[in-house]
């Protein structure tokens, strides 16, 4: 179900920037956090709240 939702988001924003796609995925991830047990909620929200700039910086470090 989650994969289908992400695929639809990616297809619907095909002309958008990488930042917009990332932010839409993060919104989707934060919505999914509400379905997690309370013991997992905080960690899930922390992962889903990483800014695009932070994500891009980490991604660049990995691909270098």
N, C-alpha and C. Protein backbone atom coordinates (compact mmCIF):
# COMPACT_ATOMS: atom_id res chain seq x y z
N UNK A 1 0.83 -1.20 0.00
CA UNK A 1 0.00 0.00 0.00
C UNK A 1 0.87 1.26 0.00
N UNK A 2 1.90 1.28 0.86
CA UNK A 2 2.78 2.43 0.95
C UNK A 2 3.52 2.64 -0.37
N UNK A 3 3.97 1.56 -0.98
CA UNK A 3 4.69 1.66 -2.25
C UNK A 3 3.79 2.23 -3.34
N UNK A 4 2.55 1.84 -3.35
CA UNK A 4 1.61 2.35 -4.35
C UNK A 4 1.41 3.85 -4.15
N UNK A 5 1.27 4.26 -2.91
CA UNK A 5 1.10 5.68 -2.60
C UNK A 5 2.30 6.50 -3.04
N UNK A 6 3.50 6.00 -2.77
CA UNK A 6 4.71 6.70 -3.18
C UNK A 6 4.82 6.77 -4.70
N UNK A 7 4.48 5.68 -5.36
CA UNK A 7 4.52 5.65 -6.81
C UNK A 7 3.57 6.69 -7.40
N UNK A 8 2.39 6.78 -6.83
CA UNK A 8 1.41 7.76 -7.31
C UNK A 8 1.92 9.18 -7.10
N UNK A 9 2.54 9.42 -5.96
CA UNK A 9 3.09 10.75 -5.68
C UNK A 9 4.18 11.07 -6.69
N UNK A 10 5.07 10.12 -6.93
CA UNK A 10 6.16 10.36 -7.86
C UNK A 10 5.65 10.60 -9.28
N UNK A 11 4.65 9.86 -9.69
CA UNK A 11 4.09 10.05 -11.02
C UNK A 11 3.36 11.37 -11.16
N UNK A 12 2.67 11.77 -10.10
CA UNK A 12 1.90 13.00 -10.18
C UNK A 12 2.76 14.26 -10.11
N UNK A 13 3.96 14.15 -9.61
CA UNK A 13 4.84 15.30 -9.51
C UNK A 13 6.05 15.15 -10.43
N UNK A 14 5.86 14.49 -11.53
CA UNK A 14 6.95 14.23 -12.46
C UNK A 14 7.72 15.46 -12.89
N UNK A 15 7.08 16.59 -13.00
CA UNK A 15 7.76 17.80 -13.43
C UNK A 15 8.32 18.62 -12.28
N UNK A 16 8.18 18.17 -11.07
CA UNK A 16 8.62 18.93 -9.91
C UNK A 16 10.11 18.70 -9.63
N UNK A 17 10.64 19.55 -8.81
CA UNK A 17 12.05 19.44 -8.43
C UNK A 17 12.26 18.26 -7.49
N UNK A 18 13.50 17.89 -7.34
CA UNK A 18 13.85 16.81 -6.41
C UNK A 18 13.41 17.17 -4.99
N UNK A 19 13.54 18.44 -4.65
CA UNK A 19 13.15 18.90 -3.32
C UNK A 19 11.65 18.66 -3.09
N UNK A 20 10.83 18.99 -4.06
CA UNK A 20 9.38 18.81 -3.92
C UNK A 20 9.02 17.34 -3.77
N UNK A 21 9.67 16.50 -4.55
CA UNK A 21 9.41 15.06 -4.45
C UNK A 21 9.80 14.57 -3.06
N UNK A 22 10.99 14.96 -2.60
CA UNK A 22 11.46 14.55 -1.28
C UNK A 22 10.49 15.01 -0.19
N UNK A 23 10.06 16.25 -0.26
CA UNK A 23 9.16 16.78 0.76
C UNK A 23 7.81 16.07 0.75
N UNK A 24 7.30 15.72 -0.43
CA UNK A 24 6.05 14.95 -0.50
C UNK A 24 6.21 13.56 0.09
N UNK A 25 7.33 12.94 -0.15
CA UNK A 25 7.58 11.62 0.43
C UNK A 25 7.66 11.72 1.95
N UNK A 26 8.32 12.78 2.44
CA UNK A 26 8.43 12.96 3.89
C UNK A 26 7.05 13.20 4.51
N UNK A 27 6.19 13.93 3.85
CA UNK A 27 4.82 14.12 4.35
C UNK A 27 4.12 12.78 4.45
N UNK A 28 4.27 11.97 3.42
CA UNK A 28 3.68 10.64 3.41
C UNK A 28 4.24 9.80 4.57
N UNK A 29 5.56 9.89 4.77
CA UNK A 29 6.20 9.14 5.86
C UNK A 29 5.69 9.59 7.23
N UNK A 30 5.52 10.91 7.41
CA UNK A 30 5.01 11.41 8.69
C UNK A 30 3.57 10.93 8.93
N UNK A 31 2.78 10.88 7.87
CA UNK A 31 1.42 10.34 8.01
C UNK A 31 1.45 8.88 8.43
N UNK A 32 2.39 8.12 7.89
CA UNK A 32 2.52 6.72 8.26
C UNK A 32 2.97 6.55 9.71
N UNK A 33 3.71 7.52 10.24
CA UNK A 33 4.17 7.43 11.63
C UNK A 33 2.99 7.36 12.60
N UNK A 34 1.90 8.01 12.25
CA UNK A 34 0.74 8.01 13.15
C UNK A 34 0.12 6.62 13.28
N UNK A 35 0.47 5.72 12.39
CA UNK A 35 -0.06 4.37 12.43
C UNK A 35 0.84 3.43 13.23
N UNK A 36 1.97 3.92 13.67
CA UNK A 36 2.93 3.11 14.43
C UNK A 36 2.55 3.09 15.91
N UNK A 37 3.04 2.07 16.63
CA UNK A 37 2.80 2.05 18.08
C UNK A 37 3.51 3.24 18.74
N UNK A 38 3.00 3.68 19.87
CA UNK A 38 3.59 4.85 20.55
C UNK A 38 5.10 4.71 20.80
N UNK A 39 5.56 3.49 21.03
CA UNK A 39 6.98 3.30 21.30
C UNK A 39 7.87 3.57 20.08
N UNK A 40 7.31 3.53 18.88
CA UNK A 40 8.07 3.77 17.66
C UNK A 40 7.82 5.15 17.06
N UNK A 41 6.82 5.86 17.56
CA UNK A 41 6.39 7.12 16.95
C UNK A 41 7.49 8.17 16.92
N UNK A 42 8.18 8.41 18.02
CA UNK A 42 9.19 9.48 18.08
C UNK A 42 10.33 9.21 17.10
N UNK A 43 10.83 7.99 17.06
CA UNK A 43 11.92 7.66 16.14
C UNK A 43 11.46 7.78 14.69
N UNK A 44 10.25 7.37 14.42
CA UNK A 44 9.69 7.47 13.07
C UNK A 44 9.59 8.93 12.64
N UNK A 45 9.09 9.78 13.51
CA UNK A 45 8.94 11.20 13.19
C UNK A 45 10.31 11.86 13.00
N UNK A 46 11.28 11.45 13.77
CA UNK A 46 12.63 12.01 13.61
C UNK A 46 13.19 11.68 12.23
N UNK A 47 13.02 10.44 11.79
CA UNK A 47 13.48 10.04 10.46
C UNK A 47 12.72 10.80 9.37
N UNK A 48 11.44 11.00 9.58
CA UNK A 48 10.59 11.63 8.57
C UNK A 48 10.66 13.16 8.60
N UNK A 49 11.44 13.72 9.48
CA UNK A 49 11.52 15.18 9.60
C UNK A 49 12.85 15.74 9.14
N UNK A 50 13.69 14.90 8.53
CA UNK A 50 14.99 15.36 8.05
C UNK A 50 14.76 16.34 6.89
N UNK A 51 15.41 17.48 6.95
CA UNK A 51 15.24 18.49 5.90
C UNK A 51 15.87 18.00 4.59
N UNK A 52 15.42 18.58 3.50
CA UNK A 52 15.97 18.21 2.20
C UNK A 52 17.46 18.55 2.14
N UNK A 53 17.85 19.69 2.69
CA UNK A 53 19.26 20.10 2.66
C UNK A 53 20.13 19.09 3.40
N UNK A 54 19.66 18.63 4.56
CA UNK A 54 20.40 17.63 5.32
C UNK A 54 20.47 16.31 4.55
N UNK A 55 19.35 15.91 3.97
CA UNK A 55 19.30 14.69 3.16
C UNK A 55 20.29 14.79 1.99
N UNK A 56 20.27 15.91 1.29
CA UNK A 56 21.14 16.09 0.11
C UNK A 56 22.61 16.08 0.52
N UNK A 57 22.94 16.72 1.64
CA UNK A 57 24.31 16.73 2.14
C UNK A 57 24.78 15.31 2.43
N UNK A 58 23.95 14.52 3.11
CA UNK A 58 24.31 13.13 3.41
C UNK A 58 24.43 12.30 2.14
N UNK A 59 23.53 12.54 1.19
CA UNK A 59 23.56 11.80 -0.07
C UNK A 59 24.83 12.09 -0.84
N UNK A 60 25.25 13.36 -0.87
CA UNK A 60 26.47 13.73 -1.57
C UNK A 60 27.70 13.11 -0.92
N UNK A 61 27.71 13.02 0.40
CA UNK A 61 28.83 12.39 1.10
C UNK A 61 28.95 10.92 0.73
N UNK A 62 27.81 10.26 0.57
CA UNK A 62 27.80 8.84 0.25
C UNK A 62 28.28 8.58 -1.18
N UNK A 63 27.85 9.42 -2.12
CA UNK A 63 28.19 9.15 -3.52
C UNK A 63 29.58 9.63 -3.92
N UNK A 64 30.26 10.35 -3.07
CA UNK A 64 31.63 10.81 -3.39
C UNK A 64 32.63 9.73 -3.16
